[in-house]
Every structure is written in C-alpha cells, then in structure tokens.
C-alpha atoms as a PDB file:
ATOM      1  CA  MET A   1      20.243  24.446 -69.303  1.00  0.00           C
ATOM      2  CA  THR A   2      21.365  20.966 -68.411  1.00  0.00           C
ATOM      3  CA  GLY A   3      24.352  22.200 -66.508  1.00  0.00           C
ATOM      4  CA  ARG A   4      26.920  20.367 -68.608  1.00  0.00           C
ATOM      5  CA  GLY A   5      27.501  23.038 -71.152  1.00  0.00           C
ATOM      6  CA  LYS A   6      25.304  21.660 -73.925  1.00  0.00           C
ATOM      7  CA  THR A   7      23.280  24.020 -75.991  1.00  0.00           C
ATOM      8  CA  VAL A   8      19.622  22.930 -76.065  1.00  0.00           C
ATOM      9  CA  THR A   9      17.324  23.916 -78.865  1.00  0.00           C
ATOM     10  CA  GLY A  10      13.600  24.606 -78.365  1.00  0.00           C
ATOM     11  CA  ARG A  11      12.666  21.155 -79.650  1.00  0.00           C
ATOM     12  CA  GLY A  12      14.345  19.096 -76.966  1.00  0.00           C
ATOM     13  CA  VAL A  13      17.456  18.322 -79.007  1.00  0.00           C
ATOM     14  CA  ASP A  14      20.878  19.652 -78.081  1.00  0.00           C
ATOM     15  CA  ALA A  15      23.332  20.890 -80.643  1.00  0.00           C
ATOM     16  CA  LYS A  16      25.272  17.584 -80.601  1.00  0.00           C
ATOM     17  CA  GLY A  17      22.363  15.080 -80.898  1.00  0.00           C
ATOM     18  CA  PRO A  18      19.061  13.904 -79.411  1.00  0.00           C
ATOM     19  CA  LYS A  19      18.455  14.656 -75.769  1.00  0.00           C
ATOM     20  CA  THR A  20      17.411  11.798 -73.476  1.00  0.00           C
ATOM     21  CA  LYS A  21      15.080  14.013 -71.422  1.00  0.00           C
ATOM     22  CA  MET A  22      12.248  15.811 -73.154  1.00  0.00           C
ATOM     23  CA  THR A  23      11.577  19.417 -72.549  1.00  0.00           C
ATOM     24  CA  LYS A  24       8.377  20.596 -70.961  1.00  0.00           C
ATOM     25  CA  GLU A  25       6.968  21.648 -74.353  1.00  0.00           C
ATOM     26  CA  VAL A  26       7.422  18.185 -75.868  1.00  0.00           C
ATOM     27  CA  GLU A  27       6.013  16.429 -72.772  1.00  0.00           C
ATOM     28  CA  GLU A  28       2.816  18.495 -72.920  1.00  0.00           C
ATOM     29  CA  ALA A  29       2.283  17.967 -76.650  1.00  0.00           C
ATOM     30  CA  PRO A  30       0.636  14.507 -76.389  1.00  0.00           C
ATOM     31  CA  MET A  31      -1.843  15.742 -73.782  1.00  0.00           C
ATOM     32  CA  TYR A  32      -2.689  18.706 -75.981  1.00  0.00           C
ATOM     33  CA  CYS A  33      -3.308  16.416 -78.958  1.00  0.00           C
ATOM     34  CA  GLU A  34      -5.564  14.087 -76.979  1.00  0.00           C
ATOM     35  CA  SER A  35      -7.904  16.889 -75.989  1.00  0.00           C
ATOM     36  CA  SER A  36      -7.737  18.702 -79.309  1.00  0.00           C
ATOM     37  CA  PRO A  37     -10.948  19.366 -81.227  1.00  0.00           C
ATOM     38  CA  MET A  38      -9.628  17.207 -84.085  1.00  0.00           C
ATOM     39  CA  LYS A  39      -9.785  14.133 -81.825  1.00  0.00           C
ATOM     40  CA  LYS A  40     -13.355  14.945 -80.792  1.00  0.00           C
ATOM     41  CA  LYS A  41     -14.466  15.393 -84.407  1.00  0.00           C
ATOM     42  CA  ARG A  42     -12.730  12.267 -85.638  1.00  0.00           C
ATOM     43  CA  PRO A  43     -15.262   9.763 -84.242  1.00  0.00           C
ATOM     44  CA  LEU A  44     -17.986  11.700 -86.055  1.00  0.00           C
ATOM     45  CA  CYS A  45     -15.968  11.397 -89.266  1.00  0.00           C
ATOM     46  CA  ASP A  46     -15.541   7.668 -88.609  1.00  0.00           C
ATOM     47  CA  LYS A  47     -19.325   7.248 -88.330  1.00  0.00           C
ATOM     48  CA  SER A  48     -20.031   9.270 -91.451  1.00  0.00           C
ATOM     49  CA  PRO A  49     -17.932   7.074 -93.781  1.00  0.00           C
ATOM     50  CA  ALA A  50     -19.451   4.027 -92.103  1.00  0.00           C
ATOM     51  CA  LEU A  51     -22.940   5.374 -92.786  1.00  0.00           C
ATOM     52  CA  ASN A  52     -21.960   6.277 -96.331  1.00  0.00           C
ATOM     53  CA  SER A  53     -20.498   2.829 -96.932  1.00  0.00           C
ATOM     54  CA  LEU A  54     -23.626   1.281 -95.386  1.00  0.00           C
ATOM     55  CA  ASN A  55     -25.827   3.360 -97.697  1.00  0.00           C
ATOM     56  CA  VAL A  56     -23.667   2.427-100.675  1.00  0.00           C
ATOM     57  CA  PHE A  57     -23.849  -1.235 -99.664  1.00  0.00           C
ATOM     58  CA  GLN A  58     -27.630  -1.085 -99.228  1.00  0.00           C
ATOM     59  CA  ALA A  59     -27.998   0.618-102.605  1.00  0.00           C
ATOM     60  CA  ALA A  60     -25.810  -2.047-104.205  1.00  0.00           C
ATOM     61  CA  VAL A  61     -27.837  -4.810-102.550  1.00  0.00           C
ATOM     62  CA  THR A  62     -31.088  -3.193-103.690  1.00  0.00           C
ATOM     63  CA  ASP A  63     -29.818  -2.843-107.266  1.00  0.00           C
ATOM     64  CA  THR A  64     -28.520  -6.409-107.261  1.00  0.00           C
ATOM     65  CA  ASN A  65     -31.824  -7.661-105.871  1.00  0.00           C
ATOM     66  CA  ARG A  66     -33.670  -5.819-108.644  1.00  0.00           C
ATOM     67  CA  GLU A  67     -31.366  -7.296-111.289  1.00  0.00           C
ATOM     68  CA  VAL A  68     -31.770 -10.807-109.860  1.00  0.00           C
ATOM     69  CA  ASN A  69     -35.561 -10.418-109.871  1.00  0.00           C
ATOM     70  CA  VAL A  70     -35.459  -9.260-113.501  1.00  0.00           C
ATOM     71  CA  LEU A  71     -33.258 -12.234-114.398  1.00  0.00           C
ATOM     72  CA  PHE A  72     -35.599 -14.630-112.572  1.00  0.00           C
ATOM     73  CA  SER A  73     -38.642 -13.217-114.361  1.00  0.00           C
ATOM     74  CA  MET A  74     -36.840 -13.478-117.716  1.00  0.00           C
ATOM     75  CA  PHE A  75     -35.830 -17.048-116.863  1.00  0.00           C
ATOM     76  CA  ALA A  76     -39.412 -17.923-115.883  1.00  0.00           C
ATOM     77  CA  GLU A  77     -40.708 -16.400-119.131  1.00  0.00           C
ATOM     78  CA  VAL A  78     -38.192 -18.335-121.223  1.00  0.00           C
ATOM     79  CA  MET A  79     -38.984 -21.546-119.364  1.00  0.00           C
ATOM     80  CA  SER A  80     -42.741 -21.106-119.871  1.00  0.00           C
ATOM     81  CA  GLU A  81     -42.169 -20.431-123.589  1.00  0.00           C
ATOM     82  CA  ARG A  82     -40.003 -23.537-123.815  1.00  0.00           C
ATOM     83  CA  ALA A  83     -42.615 -25.552-121.944  1.00  0.00           C
ATOM     84  CA  ALA A  84     -45.246 -24.392-124.437  1.00  0.00           C
ATOM     85  CA  VAL A  85     -42.966 -25.273-127.358  1.00  0.00           C
ATOM     86  CA  ASP A  86     -42.099 -28.605-125.753  1.00  0.00           C
ATOM     87  CA  GLY A  87     -45.802 -29.341-125.253  1.00  0.00           C
ATOM     88  CA  SER A  88     -46.592 -28.622-128.891  1.00  0.00           C
ATOM     89  CA  GLN A  89     -43.611 -30.706-130.009  1.00  0.00           C
ATOM     90  CA  VAL A  90     -44.747 -33.588-127.792  1.00  0.00           C
ATOM     91  CA  ARG A  91     -48.229 -33.420-129.377  1.00  0.00           C
ATOM     92  CA  GLU A  92     -46.650 -33.408-132.852  1.00  0.00           C
ATOM     93  CA  LEU A  93     -44.475 -36.403-131.953  1.00  0.00           C
ATOM     94  CA  GLU A  94     -47.486 -38.284-130.565  1.00  0.00           C
ATOM     95  CA  ASP A  95     -49.369 -37.623-133.818  1.00  0.00           C
ATOM     96  CA  ILE A  96     -46.371 -38.834-135.831  1.00  0.00           C
ATOM     97  CA  VAL A  97     -46.106 -41.992-133.701  1.00  0.00           C
ATOM     98  CA  LYS A  98     -49.830 -42.708-134.226  1.00  0.00           C
ATOM     99  CA  GLU A  99     -49.405 -42.249-137.973  1.00  0.00           C
ATOM    100  CA  VAL A 100     -46.329 -44.499-138.025  1.00  0.00           C
ATOM    101  CA  LYS A 101     -48.141 -47.210-136.053  1.00  0.00           C
ATOM    102  CA  GLY A 102     -51.058 -46.999-138.489  1.00  0.00           C
ATOM    103  CA  LEU A 103     -48.683 -47.324-141.463  1.00  0.00           C
ATOM    104  CA  GLU A 104     -46.881 -50.220-139.794  1.00  0.00           C
ATOM    105  CA  SER A 105     -50.136 -52.041-139.200  1.00  0.00           C
ATOM    106  CA  HIS A 106     -51.255 -51.412-142.798  1.00  0.00           C
ATOM    107  CA  LEU A 107     -47.903 -52.669-144.157  1.00  0.00           C
ATOM    108  CA  MET A 108     -48.083 -55.811-141.978  1.00  0.00           C
ATOM    109  CA  GLU A 109     -51.571 -56.553-143.300  1.00  0.00           C
ATOM    110  CA  ARG A 110     -50.413 -55.946-146.873  1.00  0.00           C
ATOM    111  CA  LYS A 111     -47.401 -58.237-146.313  1.00  0.00           C
ATOM    112  CA  GLU A 112     -49.646 -61.051-145.046  1.00  0.00           C
ATOM    113  CA  GLN A 113     -52.018 -60.556-147.966  1.00  0.00           C
ATOM    114  CA  LEU A 114     -49.129 -60.764-150.457  1.00  0.00           C
ATOM    115  CA  ARG A 115     -47.770 -63.888-148.713  1.00  0.00           C
ATOM    116  CA  ARG A 116     -51.163 -65.601-149.031  1.00  0.00           C
ATOM    117  CA  SER A 117     -51.430 -64.580-152.671  1.00  0.00           C
ATOM    118  CA  LEU A 118     -47.954 -65.971-153.396  1.00  0.00           C
ATOM    119  CA  ALA A 119     -48.825 -69.191-151.562  1.00  0.00           C
ATOM    120  CA  VAL A 120     -51.957 -69.613-153.711  1.00  0.00           C
ATOM    121  CA  ILE A 121     -49.972 -68.915-156.916  1.00  0.00           C
ATOM    122  CA  SER A 122     -47.206 -71.385-155.941  1.00  0.00           C
ATOM    123  CA  ASP A 123     -49.787 -74.074-155.089  1.00  0.00           C
ATOM    124  CA  LYS A 124     -51.360 -73.662-158.541  1.00  0.00           C
ATOM    125  CA  LEU A 125     -47.975 -73.929-160.275  1.00  0.00           C
ATOM    126  CA  LEU A 126     -46.982 -77.165-158.581  1.00  0.00           C
END
C-alpha cells in the first residue's frame, strides 16, 4: 500500500511498527467522535450533576440554617433562664448585704455602749 513493501494493517500500523501517516479510517475517527450523539448528550449530563449538586447544596444550607436557628433559640432560652436566675441571686445578695449592714451597725452601737460602760466602771474603781 505504501509502495515500499510494508504490510499495513487496518489500524494504520505496519507489521514492523507505527506508521507515520494515518490511514483514512483513523483520520476520520476524530470528526466522527465530535459529531457523535454522546458529545451532544454530554452537556446535558454536565448540567444535571450541577443541578443535583446545587439542590444538595441548597438542602444542606437549609438544614444547616434550621439547625443554627434551633441552636440560637436554645441559646436565647438558656440566657433568659440564666438572666432570671442571676436576677434572683442579685436580689438575694442585696438582701444579705442589707442584713449585714444592719448587723454591723448594731454591733458598732453595742461596742460603743460597752466602751462607755467600761469607762464608767474604770472611773469608779480609780
């Protein structure tokens, strides 16, 4: 076929090794593949996984948003409970401080009264 006595197979390769020129069948193969129905369907397949991944992403975002909202509501509930507890504890502490100040004032008065009594007793002894 080439005129030099080489035997050429149907795939464009001679019996001794690869052929530098391609046969007509091999040259037409890329054009056939470009216009094949598989190429035309492939962009549709590319869009479908993209849509599926977009739907999966949107579902994940929606679920995450729901979870975050639940966590925020739980956090707000805990914080309001703590604020209520803190408020009651503050009132208790204020009551305790008032009681302590009253006791302190009473003890100071008692101390002064005892000092005066001791001064009177010491004056009588001297």
